[in-house]
C-alpha atoms as a PDB file:
ATOM      1  CA  UNK A   1      44.784  29.352  -1.722  1.00  0.00           C
ATOM      2  CA  UNK A   2      43.132  28.658   1.612  1.00  0.00           C
ATOM      3  CA  UNK A   3      40.245  31.009   0.696  1.00  0.00           C
ATOM      4  CA  UNK A   4      39.791  29.247  -2.659  1.00  0.00           C
ATOM      5  CA  UNK A   5      39.528  25.806  -1.002  1.00  0.00           C
ATOM      6  CA  UNK A   6      37.076  27.174   1.580  1.00  0.00           C
ATOM      7  CA  UNK A   7      34.933  28.794  -1.104  1.00  0.00           C
ATOM      8  CA  UNK A   8      34.981  25.615  -3.204  1.00  0.00           C
ATOM      9  CA  UNK A   9      33.938  23.455  -0.240  1.00  0.00           C
ATOM     10  CA  UNK A  10      31.251  25.967   0.749  1.00  0.00           C
ATOM     11  CA  UNK A  11      29.925  26.030  -2.821  1.00  0.00           C
ATOM     12  CA  UNK A  12      29.897  22.223  -3.023  1.00  0.00           C
ATOM     13  CA  UNK A  13      28.058  21.971   0.292  1.00  0.00           C
ATOM     14  CA  UNK A  14      25.489  24.525  -0.862  1.00  0.00           C
ATOM     15  CA  UNK A  15      24.944  22.700  -4.147  1.00  0.00           C
ATOM     16  CA  UNK A  16      24.488  19.427  -2.288  1.00  0.00           C
ATOM     17  CA  UNK A  17      21.985  21.013   0.085  1.00  0.00           C
ATOM     18  CA  UNK A  18      19.999  22.481  -2.823  1.00  0.00           C
ATOM     19  CA  UNK A  19      19.888  19.164  -4.676  1.00  0.00           C
ATOM     20  CA  UNK A  20      18.789  17.308  -1.519  1.00  0.00           C
ATOM     21  CA  UNK A  21      16.036  19.856  -0.942  1.00  0.00           C
ATOM     22  CA  UNK A  22      14.869  19.577  -4.546  1.00  0.00           C
ATOM     23  CA  UNK A  23      14.772  15.785  -4.336  1.00  0.00           C
ATOM     24  CA  UNK A  24      12.740  15.858  -1.135  1.00  0.00           C
ATOM     25  CA  UNK A  25      10.343  18.405  -2.651  1.00  0.00           C
ATOM     26  CA  UNK A  26       9.263  16.002  -5.421  1.00  0.00           C
ATOM     27  CA  UNK A  27       5.476  15.706  -5.405  1.00  0.00           C
ATOM     28  CA  UNK A  28       4.044  12.430  -4.118  1.00  0.00           C
ATOM     29  CA  UNK A  29       2.393  10.703  -7.057  1.00  0.00           C
ATOM     30  CA  UNK A  30       0.378   8.244  -4.965  1.00  0.00           C
ATOM     31  CA  UNK A  31       2.421   5.242  -6.107  1.00  0.00           C
ATOM     32  CA  UNK A  32       3.202   2.601  -3.519  1.00  0.00           C
ATOM     33  CA  UNK A  33       5.298  -0.497  -3.921  1.00  0.00           C
ATOM     34  CA  UNK A  34       3.452  -3.772  -4.221  1.00  0.00           C
ATOM     35  CA  UNK A  35       4.722  -4.840  -0.812  1.00  0.00           C
ATOM     36  CA  UNK A  36       3.448  -1.609   0.758  1.00  0.00           C
ATOM     37  CA  UNK A  37       0.021  -2.085  -0.808  1.00  0.00           C
ATOM     38  CA  UNK A  38      -0.159  -5.700   0.346  1.00  0.00           C
ATOM     39  CA  UNK A  39       0.773  -4.772   3.906  1.00  0.00           C
ATOM     40  CA  UNK A  40      -1.756  -1.931   3.932  1.00  0.00           C
ATOM     41  CA  UNK A  41      -4.584  -4.122   2.637  1.00  0.00           C
ATOM     42  CA  UNK A  42      -3.846  -6.866   5.127  1.00  0.00           C
ATOM     43  CA  UNK A  43      -3.811  -4.310   7.976  1.00  0.00           C
ATOM     44  CA  UNK A  44      -7.178  -2.935   6.820  1.00  0.00           C
ATOM     45  CA  UNK A  45      -8.738  -6.408   6.858  1.00  0.00           C
ATOM     46  CA  UNK A  46      -7.294  -7.180  10.298  1.00  0.00           C
ATOM     47  CA  UNK A  47      -8.380  -3.784  11.641  1.00  0.00           C
ATOM     48  CA  UNK A  48     -11.889  -4.367  10.310  1.00  0.00           C
ATOM     49  CA  UNK A  49     -12.101  -7.651  12.208  1.00  0.00           C
ATOM     50  CA  UNK A  50     -10.700  -6.098  15.408  1.00  0.00           C
ATOM     51  CA  UNK A  51     -13.177  -3.231  15.290  1.00  0.00           C
ATOM     52  CA  UNK A  52     -16.082  -5.482  14.426  1.00  0.00           C
ATOM     53  CA  UNK A  53     -16.658  -3.861  11.029  1.00  0.00           C
ATOM     54  CA  UNK A  54     -16.127  -7.191   9.242  1.00  0.00           C
ATOM     55  CA  UNK A  55     -17.811 -10.467   9.969  1.00  0.00           C
ATOM     56  CA  UNK A  56     -15.714 -13.607  10.096  1.00  0.00           C
ATOM     57  CA  UNK A  57     -17.138 -14.705   6.759  1.00  0.00           C
ATOM     58  CA  UNK A  58     -16.287 -11.367   5.139  1.00  0.00           C
ATOM     59  CA  UNK A  59     -12.753 -11.408   6.561  1.00  0.00           C
ATOM     60  CA  UNK A  60     -12.225 -15.023   5.443  1.00  0.00           C
ATOM     61  CA  UNK A  61     -13.318 -14.192   1.897  1.00  0.00           C
ATOM     62  CA  UNK A  62     -11.184 -11.042   1.769  1.00  0.00           C
ATOM     63  CA  UNK A  63      -8.133 -12.909   3.110  1.00  0.00           C
ATOM     64  CA  UNK A  64      -8.685 -15.617   0.479  1.00  0.00           C
ATOM     65  CA  UNK A  65      -8.799 -12.995  -2.298  1.00  0.00           C
ATOM     66  CA  UNK A  66      -5.697 -11.369  -0.817  1.00  0.00           C
ATOM     67  CA  UNK A  67      -3.796 -14.698  -0.853  1.00  0.00           C
ATOM     68  CA  UNK A  68      -4.854 -15.363  -4.450  1.00  0.00           C
ATOM     69  CA  UNK A  69      -3.570 -11.939  -5.445  1.00  0.00           C
ATOM     70  CA  UNK A  70      -0.304 -12.574  -3.597  1.00  0.00           C
ATOM     71  CA  UNK A  71       0.154 -15.876  -5.442  1.00  0.00           C
ATOM     72  CA  UNK A  72      -0.513 -14.159  -8.775  1.00  0.00           C
ATOM     73  CA  UNK A  73       2.046 -11.499  -7.915  1.00  0.00           C
ATOM     74  CA  UNK A  74       4.603 -14.234  -7.123  1.00  0.00           C
ATOM     75  CA  UNK A  75       3.977 -15.864 -10.500  1.00  0.00           C
ATOM     76  CA  UNK A  76       4.372 -12.523 -12.253  1.00  0.00           C
ATOM     77  CA  UNK A  77       7.670 -11.827 -10.445  1.00  0.00           C
ATOM     78  CA  UNK A  78       9.337 -15.048 -11.678  1.00  0.00           C
ATOM     79  CA  UNK A  79      10.719 -13.301 -14.775  1.00  0.00           C
ATOM     80  CA  UNK A  80      10.369  -9.748 -13.456  1.00  0.00           C
ATOM     81  CA  UNK A  81       7.256  -7.597 -13.637  1.00  0.00           C
ATOM     82  CA  UNK A  82       6.301  -6.249 -17.033  1.00  0.00           C
ATOM     83  CA  UNK A  83       4.437  -2.966 -17.353  1.00  0.00           C
ATOM     84  CA  UNK A  84       1.242  -4.888 -18.163  1.00  0.00           C
ATOM     85  CA  UNK A  85       1.640  -7.166 -15.109  1.00  0.00           C
ATOM     86  CA  UNK A  86       2.226  -4.169 -12.855  1.00  0.00           C
ATOM     87  CA  UNK A  87      -0.918  -2.473 -14.218  1.00  0.00           C
ATOM     88  CA  UNK A  88      -2.891  -5.705 -13.791  1.00  0.00           C
ATOM     89  CA  UNK A  89      -1.774  -6.002 -10.153  1.00  0.00           C
ATOM     90  CA  UNK A  90      -2.622  -2.338  -9.547  1.00  0.00           C
ATOM     91  CA  UNK A  91      -6.146  -2.865 -10.903  1.00  0.00           C
ATOM     92  CA  UNK A  92      -6.613  -5.969  -8.772  1.00  0.00           C
ATOM     93  CA  UNK A  93      -5.290  -4.228  -5.650  1.00  0.00           C
ATOM     94  CA  UNK A  94      -7.654  -1.313  -6.310  1.00  0.00           C
ATOM     95  CA  UNK A  95     -10.580  -3.704  -6.644  1.00  0.00           C
ATOM     96  CA  UNK A  96      -9.672  -5.509  -3.401  1.00  0.00           C
ATOM     97  CA  UNK A  97      -9.274  -2.170  -1.590  1.00  0.00           C
ATOM     98  CA  UNK A  98     -12.755  -1.147  -2.779  1.00  0.00           C
ATOM     99  CA  UNK A  99     -14.202  -4.482  -1.594  1.00  0.00           C
ATOM    100  CA  UNK A 100     -12.616  -4.033   1.838  1.00  0.00           C
ATOM    101  CA  UNK A 101     -14.014  -0.497   2.059  1.00  0.00           C
ATOM    102  CA  UNK A 102     -17.487  -1.688   1.033  1.00  0.00           C
ATOM    103  CA  UNK A 103     -17.531  -4.609   3.455  1.00  0.00           C
ATOM    104  CA  UNK A 104     -16.315  -2.486   6.357  1.00  0.00           C
ATOM    105  CA  UNK A 105     -19.107   0.030   5.772  1.00  0.00           C
ATOM    106  CA  UNK A 106     -22.012  -2.313   5.066  1.00  0.00           C
ATOM    107  CA  UNK A 107     -23.076  -2.447   8.725  1.00  0.00           C
ATOM    108  CA  UNK A 108     -22.721  -6.234   9.079  1.00  0.00           C
ATOM    109  CA  UNK A 109     -20.993  -6.381  12.428  1.00  0.00           C
ATOM    110  CA  UNK A 110     -18.676  -9.260  13.254  1.00  0.00           C
ATOM    111  CA  UNK A 111     -19.217  -9.844  16.953  1.00  0.00           C
ATOM    112  CA  UNK A 112     -19.671 -13.595  16.698  1.00  0.00           C
ATOM    113  CA  UNK A 113     -23.466 -13.427  16.441  1.00  0.00           C
ATOM    114  CA  UNK A 114     -23.583 -14.280  12.776  1.00  0.00           C
ATOM    115  CA  UNK A 115     -23.927 -12.121   9.703  1.00  0.00           C
ATOM    116  CA  UNK A 116     -26.436  -9.356   9.924  1.00  0.00           C
ATOM    117  CA  UNK A 117     -26.271  -8.708  13.659  1.00  0.00           C
ATOM    118  CA  UNK A 118     -26.812  -5.034  14.362  1.00  0.00           C
ATOM    119  CA  UNK A 119     -25.539  -3.058  17.353  1.00  0.00           C
END
């Protein structure tokens, strides 16, 4: 009887280990929660200002667009996000991410000398 209990416990532990490994091996599909995307975009804007890749005017405009998107997301969440609302937010987040990338690479440096100052 003792051997049967030991074998059963060993088998259960092995099955649990296999299922945990399989769950952790799921491929990453690139999906992030809305909150993760918002935090990432805000960090990218702030980092661009700190590094001088964004001018104050660019950062102000990007922060304004970010706040507008956050307000829209709050309105959508009132009754729960529909599939269409989620897709709409994803498209808007993608567009804002592309704008941040473009502005950080356009060689307008934000060192307080005005737009267009070059190093």
